Amino acid sequence: MSLLGSSAFGRSSAQTDATGAAAAARTAQTDTRALEARLDRALLACEAMWMLLRKKLELTDEELADQITELDLSDGVLDGKVRKTAVTCSKCKRKVAPRFDKCMYCQTPTPLNPFA
């Protein structure tokens, strides 16, 4: 009889796990759709800004592509990403990780990076 009890318990536990996994999958899908929508809006805004800059400042698509490449290479790797590097504290001269807004040693604020 204990075998039946453990078998039933095992099924119940597996069903609970499956239900939890299905809920997690639905949440991940919802989050993914929300991120895709935000990315679409950001890309639209970037394209609109580029169109304005190109028109007002008479810039070329080639100049934009060159600037993108230069920015991409600023971290030493042409990989489509910009890795933020540590900054040097202006007061104590120690390195501060880019995720911090002030020096962890002397509490001096780090320069604001609007793209961090």
C-alpha atoms as a PDB file:
ATOM      1  CA  MET A   1       0.000   0.000   0.000  1.00  0.00           C
ATOM      2  CA  SER A   2       2.901   2.336   0.613  1.00  0.00           C
ATOM      3  CA  LEU A   3       3.895   1.836  -3.019  1.00  0.00           C
ATOM      4  CA  LEU A   4       0.545   3.213  -4.151  1.00  0.00           C
ATOM      5  CA  GLY A   5       0.921   6.144  -1.826  1.00  0.00           C
ATOM      6  CA  SER A   6       4.409   6.969  -3.055  1.00  0.00           C
ATOM      7  CA  SER A   7       3.336   6.490  -6.680  1.00  0.00           C
ATOM      8  CA  ALA A   8       0.422   8.866  -6.217  1.00  0.00           C
ATOM      9  CA  PHE A   9       2.685  11.300  -4.423  1.00  0.00           C
ATOM     10  CA  GLY A  10       5.196  11.063  -7.265  1.00  0.00           C
ATOM     11  CA  ARG A  11       2.533  11.859  -9.848  1.00  0.00           C
ATOM     12  CA  SER A  12       1.258  14.752  -7.784  1.00  0.00           C
ATOM     13  CA  SER A  13       4.761  16.152  -7.443  1.00  0.00           C
ATOM     14  CA  ALA A  14       5.405  15.731 -11.174  1.00  0.00           C
ATOM     15  CA  GLN A  15       2.114  17.448 -11.984  1.00  0.00           C
ATOM     16  CA  THR A  16       3.014  20.327  -9.678  1.00  0.00           C
ATOM     17  CA  ASP A  17       6.420  20.613 -11.340  1.00  0.00           C
ATOM     18  CA  ALA A  18       4.842  20.555 -14.804  1.00  0.00           C
ATOM     19  CA  THR A  19       2.306  23.205 -13.834  1.00  0.00           C
ATOM     20  CA  GLY A  20       5.090  25.400 -12.457  1.00  0.00           C
ATOM     21  CA  ALA A  21       7.175  24.926 -15.599  1.00  0.00           C
ATOM     22  CA  ALA A  22       4.215  25.816 -17.816  1.00  0.00           C
ATOM     23  CA  ALA A  23       3.575  28.980 -15.798  1.00  0.00           C
ATOM     24  CA  ALA A  24       7.246  29.933 -16.009  1.00  0.00           C
ATOM     25  CA  ALA A  25       7.187  29.383 -19.778  1.00  0.00           C
ATOM     26  CA  ARG A  26       4.117  31.622 -20.158  1.00  0.00           C
ATOM     27  CA  THR A  27       5.797  34.326 -18.080  1.00  0.00           C
ATOM     28  CA  ALA A  28       8.958  34.081 -20.197  1.00  0.00           C
ATOM     29  CA  GLN A  29       6.908  34.394 -23.396  1.00  0.00           C
ATOM     30  CA  THR A  30       5.086  37.452 -22.041  1.00  0.00           C
ATOM     31  CA  ASP A  31       8.368  39.046 -20.960  1.00  0.00           C
ATOM     32  CA  THR A  32       9.907  38.296 -24.358  1.00  0.00           C
ATOM     33  CA  ARG A  33       6.986  39.929 -26.197  1.00  0.00           C
ATOM     34  CA  ALA A  34       7.251  43.010 -23.967  1.00  0.00           C
ATOM     35  CA  LEU A  35      11.003  43.291 -24.624  1.00  0.00           C
ATOM     36  CA  GLU A  36      10.463  42.893 -28.369  1.00  0.00           C
ATOM     37  CA  ALA A  37       7.889  45.703 -28.298  1.00  0.00           C
ATOM     38  CA  ARG A  38      10.280  47.974 -26.383  1.00  0.00           C
ATOM     39  CA  LEU A  39      13.093  47.149 -28.808  1.00  0.00           C
ATOM     40  CA  ASP A  40      10.845  47.930 -31.783  1.00  0.00           C
ATOM     41  CA  ARG A  41       9.982  51.344 -30.268  1.00  0.00           C
ATOM     42  CA  ALA A  42      13.654  52.064 -29.525  1.00  0.00           C
ATOM     43  CA  LEU A  43      14.668  51.150 -33.083  1.00  0.00           C
ATOM     44  CA  LEU A  44      11.908  53.358 -34.465  1.00  0.00           C
ATOM     45  CA  ALA A  45      13.104  56.268 -32.315  1.00  0.00           C
ATOM     46  CA  CYS A  46      16.723  55.708 -33.399  1.00  0.00           C
ATOM     47  CA  GLU A  47      15.760  55.654 -37.052  1.00  0.00           C
ATOM     48  CA  ALA A  48      13.667  58.819 -36.673  1.00  0.00           C
ATOM     49  CA  MET A  49      16.554  60.596 -34.926  1.00  0.00           C
ATOM     50  CA  TRP A  50      18.957  59.504 -37.653  1.00  0.00           C
ATOM     51  CA  MET A  51      16.597  60.791 -40.342  1.00  0.00           C
ATOM     52  CA  LEU A  52      16.430  64.178 -38.586  1.00  0.00           C
ATOM     53  CA  LEU A  53      20.208  64.362 -38.119  1.00  0.00           C
ATOM     54  CA  ARG A  54      20.883  63.318 -41.696  1.00  0.00           C
ATOM     55  CA  LYS A  55      18.488  65.976 -42.999  1.00  0.00           C
ATOM     56  CA  LYS A  56      19.439  68.847 -40.651  1.00  0.00           C
ATOM     57  CA  LEU A  57      23.201  68.283 -40.584  1.00  0.00           C
ATOM     58  CA  GLU A  58      23.613  66.813 -44.073  1.00  0.00           C
ATOM     59  CA  LEU A  59      25.309  63.693 -42.755  1.00  0.00           C
ATOM     60  CA  THR A  60      25.647  60.508 -44.779  1.00  0.00           C
ATOM     61  CA  ASP A  61      24.787  56.911 -44.006  1.00  0.00           C
ATOM     62  CA  GLU A  62      28.480  56.114 -44.468  1.00  0.00           C
ATOM     63  CA  GLU A  63      29.401  58.608 -41.728  1.00  0.00           C
ATOM     64  CA  LEU A  64      26.914  56.928 -39.405  1.00  0.00           C
ATOM     65  CA  ALA A  65      28.305  53.474 -40.222  1.00  0.00           C
ATOM     66  CA  ASP A  66      31.852  54.725 -39.588  1.00  0.00           C
ATOM     67  CA  GLN A  67      30.797  56.196 -36.230  1.00  0.00           C
ATOM     68  CA  ILE A  68      29.100  52.933 -35.230  1.00  0.00           C
ATOM     69  CA  THR A  69      32.273  51.004 -36.068  1.00  0.00           C
ATOM     70  CA  GLU A  70      34.424  53.473 -34.128  1.00  0.00           C
ATOM     71  CA  LEU A  71      32.157  53.209 -31.092  1.00  0.00           C
ATOM     72  CA  ASP A  72      32.064  49.416 -31.335  1.00  0.00           C
ATOM     73  CA  LEU A  73      35.860  49.289 -31.437  1.00  0.00           C
ATOM     74  CA  SER A  74      36.220  51.630 -28.435  1.00  0.00           C
ATOM     75  CA  ASP A  75      36.458  48.580 -26.167  1.00  0.00           C
ATOM     76  CA  GLY A  76      38.968  46.910 -28.480  1.00  0.00           C
ATOM     77  CA  VAL A  77      36.579  44.333 -29.963  1.00  0.00           C
ATOM     78  CA  LEU A  78      34.419  44.636 -33.084  1.00  0.00           C
ATOM     79  CA  ASP A  79      31.464  42.624 -31.787  1.00  0.00           C
ATOM     80  CA  GLY A  80      28.404  44.859 -31.968  1.00  0.00           C
ATOM     81  CA  LYS A  81      28.661  45.740 -28.275  1.00  0.00           C
ATOM     82  CA  VAL A  82      30.252  48.385 -26.100  1.00  0.00           C
ATOM     83  CA  ARG A  83      31.616  47.021 -22.872  1.00  0.00           C
ATOM     84  CA  LYS A  84      31.728  49.563 -20.114  1.00  0.00           C
ATOM     85  CA  THR A  85      35.107  49.757 -18.439  1.00  0.00           C
ATOM     86  CA  ALA A  86      36.056  50.833 -14.949  1.00  0.00           C
ATOM     87  CA  VAL A  87      36.557  54.550 -14.408  1.00  0.00           C
ATOM     88  CA  THR A  88      39.223  56.141 -12.227  1.00  0.00           C
ATOM     89  CA  CYS A  89      37.930  58.042  -9.218  1.00  0.00           C
ATOM     90  CA  SER A  90      38.808  61.713  -9.528  1.00  0.00           C
ATOM     91  CA  LYS A  91      39.568  61.976  -5.815  1.00  0.00           C
ATOM     92  CA  CYS A  92      41.309  58.782  -4.644  1.00  0.00           C
ATOM     93  CA  LYS A  93      42.403  57.542  -8.113  1.00  0.00           C
ATOM     94  CA  ARG A  94      41.106  54.004  -7.500  1.00  0.00           C
ATOM     95  CA  LYS A  95      39.212  52.065 -10.166  1.00  0.00           C
ATOM     96  CA  VAL A  96      35.411  52.097  -9.871  1.00  0.00           C
ATOM     97  CA  ALA A  97      33.293  49.480 -11.631  1.00  0.00           C
ATOM     98  CA  PRO A  98      30.901  51.002 -14.177  1.00  0.00           C
ATOM     99  CA  ARG A  99      27.848  49.693 -12.299  1.00  0.00           C
ATOM    100  CA  PHE A 100      28.530  52.024  -9.341  1.00  0.00           C
ATOM    101  CA  ASP A 101      27.494  55.675  -9.304  1.00  0.00           C
ATOM    102  CA  LYS A 102      30.077  56.592  -6.669  1.00  0.00           C
ATOM    103  CA  CYS A 103      33.478  55.413  -5.531  1.00  0.00           C
ATOM    104  CA  MET A 104      33.172  52.584  -3.033  1.00  0.00           C
ATOM    105  CA  TYR A 105      36.296  53.813  -1.233  1.00  0.00           C
ATOM    106  CA  CYS A 106      35.762  57.558  -0.831  1.00  0.00           C
ATOM    107  CA  GLN A 107      32.108  57.964  -1.947  1.00  0.00           C
ATOM    108  CA  THR A 108      32.982  60.531  -4.644  1.00  0.00           C
ATOM    109  CA  PRO A 109      30.295  60.469  -7.357  1.00  0.00           C
ATOM    110  CA  THR A 110      31.437  59.061 -10.687  1.00  0.00           C
ATOM    111  CA  PRO A 111      30.740  60.952 -13.925  1.00  0.00           C
ATOM    112  CA  LEU A 112      27.227  60.378 -15.239  1.00  0.00           C
ATOM    113  CA  ASN A 113      27.096  58.094 -18.264  1.00  0.00           C
ATOM    114  CA  PRO A 114      23.677  58.444 -19.911  1.00  0.00           C
ATOM    115  CA  PHE A 115      24.141  55.156 -21.782  1.00  0.00           C
ATOM    116  CA  ALA A 116      25.204  52.985 -18.840  1.00  0.00           C
END
